[in-house]
């Protein structure tokens, strides 16, 4: 799916996106798990860039820093702007970051890495705009779960990556990985097939027992040590 078509798709979902993803009990529970991990990893008091910010769900976590959100869907940005007027919202593609080098202390990417046509180009751009010692935090849908192991590319053109593939890409592009963990099961994966309450129970059981082979989401963090290299 090209970026123009992708933007059109998300523009059409902007007004009900948050409700559809995070409105259910299971959705709210999963969101809290993700927010907890990201908040613990996002301990910076500088400039934070979120690539593919959507409706700005994670802007509230940047309490100690200056937040900039970019997205390719104008309607999603408008929803984000109405929720968080104090933050900056820009229409921009993650593979062509219109910022000066050494600008940000952290870059956050949540469930959009799969959409990059050239992920290494994005990683190169992320490396350029990050300050030395800055962190790149990526929450992605890993391909290690059972039903995705043979599913490289989805019907919408997203490309899923395994744990080893993500680590290889980041290290090749100059990042030192210091955190990589499977963190949660996306509730919307099952919401079409089972009731919300059962979905919530499965989420809680998978977290309680750490049934990681069921988890669809992983978080990987790469730290940039030499931005000039």
Protein backbone atom coordinates (compact mmCIF):
# COMPACT_ATOMS: atom_id res chain seq x y z
CA UNK A 1 0.00 0.00 0.00
CA UNK A 2 1.48 3.36 -1.01
CA UNK A 3 1.61 6.21 1.50
CA UNK A 4 -1.14 8.19 -0.21
CA UNK A 5 -3.56 5.27 0.07
CA UNK A 6 -2.45 4.59 3.63
CA UNK A 7 -3.08 8.20 4.62
CA UNK A 8 -6.53 8.05 3.05
CA UNK A 9 -7.33 4.90 5.05
CA UNK A 10 -6.35 6.43 8.36
CA UNK A 11 -8.03 9.74 7.56
CA UNK A 12 -11.29 7.82 7.22
CA UNK A 13 -10.78 6.27 10.69
CA UNK A 14 -9.59 9.35 12.55
CA UNK A 15 -12.81 10.27 14.35
CA UNK A 16 -13.40 6.80 15.79
CA UNK A 17 -9.87 5.36 15.87
CA UNK A 18 -9.29 5.74 19.62
CA UNK A 19 -12.69 4.29 20.47
CA UNK A 20 -12.26 1.30 18.18
CA UNK A 21 -8.78 0.46 19.47
CA UNK A 22 -8.88 1.52 23.11
CA UNK A 23 -12.56 1.91 23.99
CA UNK A 24 -13.19 -1.66 25.16
CA UNK A 25 -12.10 -3.04 28.52
CA UNK A 26 -9.50 -5.21 26.81
CA UNK A 27 -8.27 -2.27 24.76
CA UNK A 28 -7.88 -0.05 27.84
CA UNK A 29 -6.02 -2.78 29.70
CA UNK A 30 -3.58 -3.39 26.83
CA UNK A 31 -3.04 0.35 26.44
CA UNK A 32 -2.03 0.64 30.10
CA UNK A 33 0.53 -2.14 29.69
CA UNK A 34 2.10 -0.44 26.69
CA UNK A 35 2.05 3.00 28.32
CA UNK A 36 3.75 1.61 31.42
CA UNK A 37 6.63 0.16 29.39
CA UNK A 38 7.05 3.24 27.22
CA UNK A 39 6.88 5.64 30.17
CA UNK A 40 9.63 3.70 31.96
CA UNK A 41 11.79 3.78 28.84
CA UNK A 42 11.06 7.41 27.98
CA UNK A 43 12.95 8.97 30.87
CA UNK A 44 14.29 12.05 29.14
CA UNK A 45 13.87 15.75 29.78
CA UNK A 46 14.53 16.90 26.25
CA UNK A 47 12.93 16.76 22.82
CA UNK A 48 10.84 13.74 21.90
CA UNK A 49 9.75 12.86 18.36
CA UNK A 50 6.99 10.36 17.66
CA UNK A 51 6.92 9.04 14.11
CA UNK A 52 3.45 7.93 13.02
CA UNK A 53 1.84 9.61 16.02
CA UNK A 54 -1.74 9.06 14.82
CA UNK A 55 -4.20 10.65 17.25
CA UNK A 56 -1.46 11.54 19.73
CA UNK A 57 -2.12 8.84 22.30
CA UNK A 58 1.41 8.89 23.71
CA UNK A 59 1.92 12.67 23.85
CA UNK A 60 0.72 12.68 27.46
CA UNK A 61 3.71 10.54 28.44
CA UNK A 62 6.17 13.28 27.51
CA UNK A 63 5.63 15.20 30.74
CA UNK A 64 9.30 16.06 31.19
CA UNK A 65 10.11 16.94 27.61
CA UNK A 66 9.06 18.76 24.45
CA UNK A 67 6.95 16.53 22.20
CA UNK A 68 6.71 16.61 18.39
CA UNK A 69 4.37 14.25 16.58
CA UNK A 70 4.48 13.56 12.84
CA UNK A 71 2.09 11.57 10.66
CA UNK A 72 1.06 11.22 7.02
CA UNK A 73 -2.69 11.44 7.76
CA UNK A 74 -3.94 15.05 8.24
CA UNK A 75 -7.19 14.00 9.93
CA UNK A 76 -5.35 11.95 12.54
CA UNK A 77 -3.12 14.95 13.25
CA UNK A 78 -6.18 17.17 13.66
CA UNK A 79 -7.58 14.85 16.32
CA UNK A 80 -4.20 14.85 18.07
CA UNK A 81 -3.96 18.65 17.91
CA UNK A 82 -7.39 19.05 19.50
CA UNK A 83 -6.35 16.79 22.40
CA UNK A 84 -2.87 18.24 22.98
CA UNK A 85 -2.60 21.85 21.82
CA UNK A 86 0.68 22.36 23.67
CA UNK A 87 2.51 19.83 21.48
CA UNK A 88 3.70 20.24 17.89
CA UNK A 89 1.99 18.27 15.10
CA UNK A 90 3.47 18.06 11.61
CA UNK A 91 2.50 16.36 8.35
CA UNK A 92 5.63 14.39 7.50
CA UNK A 93 6.94 11.03 6.27
CA UNK A 94 9.23 9.13 8.64
CA UNK A 95 11.63 8.26 5.84
CA UNK A 96 12.22 11.95 5.10
CA UNK A 97 12.54 13.74 8.42
CA UNK A 98 12.57 17.49 7.95
CA UNK A 99 14.65 18.28 11.03
CA UNK A 100 18.22 19.33 11.62
CA UNK A 101 20.75 16.74 12.68
CA UNK A 102 21.19 16.09 16.41
CA UNK A 103 17.79 17.52 17.32
CA UNK A 104 16.00 14.92 19.46
CA UNK A 105 16.77 13.07 22.68
CA UNK A 106 14.34 10.25 21.92
CA UNK A 107 12.30 8.93 18.99
CA UNK A 108 9.17 6.86 19.55
CA UNK A 109 7.66 4.58 16.88
CA UNK A 110 4.49 2.68 17.83
CA UNK A 111 3.05 0.08 15.42
CA UNK A 112 4.11 1.90 12.27
CA UNK A 113 7.50 0.31 11.54
CA UNK A 114 5.68 -2.28 9.45
CA UNK A 115 4.55 0.44 7.03
CA UNK A 116 8.00 1.76 6.07
CA UNK A 117 8.80 0.99 2.45
CA UNK A 118 12.48 1.37 3.24
CA UNK A 119 12.99 0.75 6.98
CA UNK A 120 16.74 1.21 6.76
CA UNK A 121 16.20 4.67 5.30
CA UNK A 122 14.05 5.53 8.30
CA UNK A 123 16.68 4.16 10.69
CA UNK A 124 19.31 6.23 8.93
CA UNK A 125 17.14 9.35 9.30
CA UNK A 126 16.46 8.51 12.95
CA UNK A 127 20.19 8.18 13.53
CA UNK A 128 20.76 11.56 11.90
CA UNK A 129 18.23 13.55 13.95
CA UNK A 130 18.99 11.85 17.28
CA UNK A 131 21.53 13.35 19.63
CA UNK A 132 24.42 11.22 20.82
CA UNK A 133 23.15 9.03 23.63
CA UNK A 134 19.58 9.37 22.33
CA UNK A 135 17.15 6.46 22.29
CA UNK A 136 15.06 4.97 19.51
CA UNK A 137 12.04 3.18 20.99
CA UNK A 138 10.08 0.95 18.61
CA UNK A 139 6.92 -0.94 19.56
CA UNK A 140 6.27 -3.36 16.72
CA UNK A 141 4.11 -6.36 15.84
CA UNK A 142 6.61 -9.19 15.90
CA UNK A 143 6.52 -12.11 13.47
CA UNK A 144 7.55 -14.64 16.09
CA UNK A 145 3.99 -15.35 17.21
CA UNK A 146 2.56 -18.60 15.90
CA UNK A 147 0.07 -17.19 13.39
CA UNK A 148 2.59 -14.77 11.85
CA UNK A 149 5.61 -17.02 11.39
CA UNK A 150 4.84 -17.60 7.74
CA UNK A 151 3.18 -14.24 7.20
CA UNK A 152 5.85 -11.88 5.96
CA UNK A 153 3.53 -9.35 4.34
CA UNK A 154 -0.14 -8.69 5.16
CA UNK A 155 -2.95 -7.99 2.73
CA UNK A 156 -2.46 -4.25 3.25
CA UNK A 157 1.23 -4.40 2.42
CA UNK A 158 2.64 -4.13 5.94
CA UNK A 159 5.80 -6.14 6.49
CA UNK A 160 6.31 -7.97 9.77
CA UNK A 161 9.75 -8.60 11.25
CA UNK A 162 11.11 -11.19 13.65
CA UNK A 163 13.11 -10.49 16.80
CA UNK A 164 16.38 -11.34 15.03
CA UNK A 165 15.53 -9.20 12.00
CA UNK A 166 14.79 -6.13 14.14
CA UNK A 167 17.99 -6.53 16.13
CA UNK A 168 20.02 -6.97 12.96
CA UNK A 169 18.58 -3.85 11.31
CA UNK A 170 19.17 -1.63 14.33
CA UNK A 171 22.71 -2.81 14.99
CA UNK A 172 23.61 -2.52 11.30
CA UNK A 173 22.38 1.09 11.35
CA UNK A 174 24.55 1.95 14.35
CA UNK A 175 22.30 1.45 17.36
CA UNK A 176 23.28 -0.41 20.51
CA UNK A 177 20.34 -2.49 21.74
CA UNK A 178 19.82 -2.45 25.49
CA UNK A 179 16.17 -3.51 25.76
CA UNK A 180 14.11 -5.96 23.69
CA UNK A 181 11.07 -7.69 25.07
CA UNK A 182 7.70 -9.10 24.04
CA UNK A 183 5.19 -7.09 26.05
CA UNK A 184 1.53 -7.71 25.21
CA UNK A 185 -1.19 -9.25 23.08
CA UNK A 186 -3.03 -6.72 20.91
CA UNK A 187 -6.71 -6.95 21.93
CA UNK A 188 -8.03 -5.98 18.49
CA UNK A 189 -6.46 -9.17 17.08
CA UNK A 190 -9.14 -11.22 18.84
CA UNK A 191 -11.91 -8.64 19.25
CA UNK A 192 -13.59 -9.71 16.01
CA UNK A 193 -13.91 -13.28 17.21
CA UNK A 194 -14.55 -13.26 20.97
CA UNK A 195 -16.47 -11.10 23.50
CA UNK A 196 -14.69 -8.19 25.17
CA UNK A 197 -14.77 -9.77 28.64
CA UNK A 198 -13.18 -13.01 27.40
CA UNK A 199 -10.60 -10.97 25.51
CA UNK A 200 -9.77 -9.10 28.72
CA UNK A 201 -9.43 -12.36 30.68
CA UNK A 202 -7.04 -13.80 28.08
CA UNK A 203 -4.96 -10.62 28.20
CA UNK A 204 -4.68 -10.75 31.97
CA UNK A 205 -3.84 -14.46 32.01
CA UNK A 206 -1.16 -14.04 29.34
CA UNK A 207 0.39 -11.20 31.39
CA UNK A 208 0.08 -12.98 34.73
CA UNK A 209 1.69 -16.17 33.46
CA UNK A 210 4.06 -14.41 31.04
CA UNK A 211 2.84 -16.47 28.09
CA UNK A 212 5.11 -14.59 25.69
CA UNK A 213 4.55 -16.89 22.70
CA UNK A 214 1.05 -15.37 22.46
CA UNK A 215 2.27 -11.77 22.57
CA UNK A 216 1.91 -9.90 19.30
CA UNK A 217 3.81 -6.76 20.33
CA UNK A 218 7.46 -6.25 21.19
CA UNK A 219 9.46 -3.20 22.25
CA UNK A 220 13.05 -2.72 21.14
CA UNK A 221 15.25 0.17 22.25
CA UNK A 222 18.43 1.21 20.51
CA UNK A 223 20.82 3.81 21.90
CA UNK A 224 22.93 6.01 19.67
CA UNK A 225 26.50 6.41 20.92
CA UNK A 226 28.28 8.14 18.05
CA UNK A 227 25.96 10.25 15.91
CA UNK A 228 28.81 11.39 13.66
CA UNK A 229 29.93 7.92 12.63
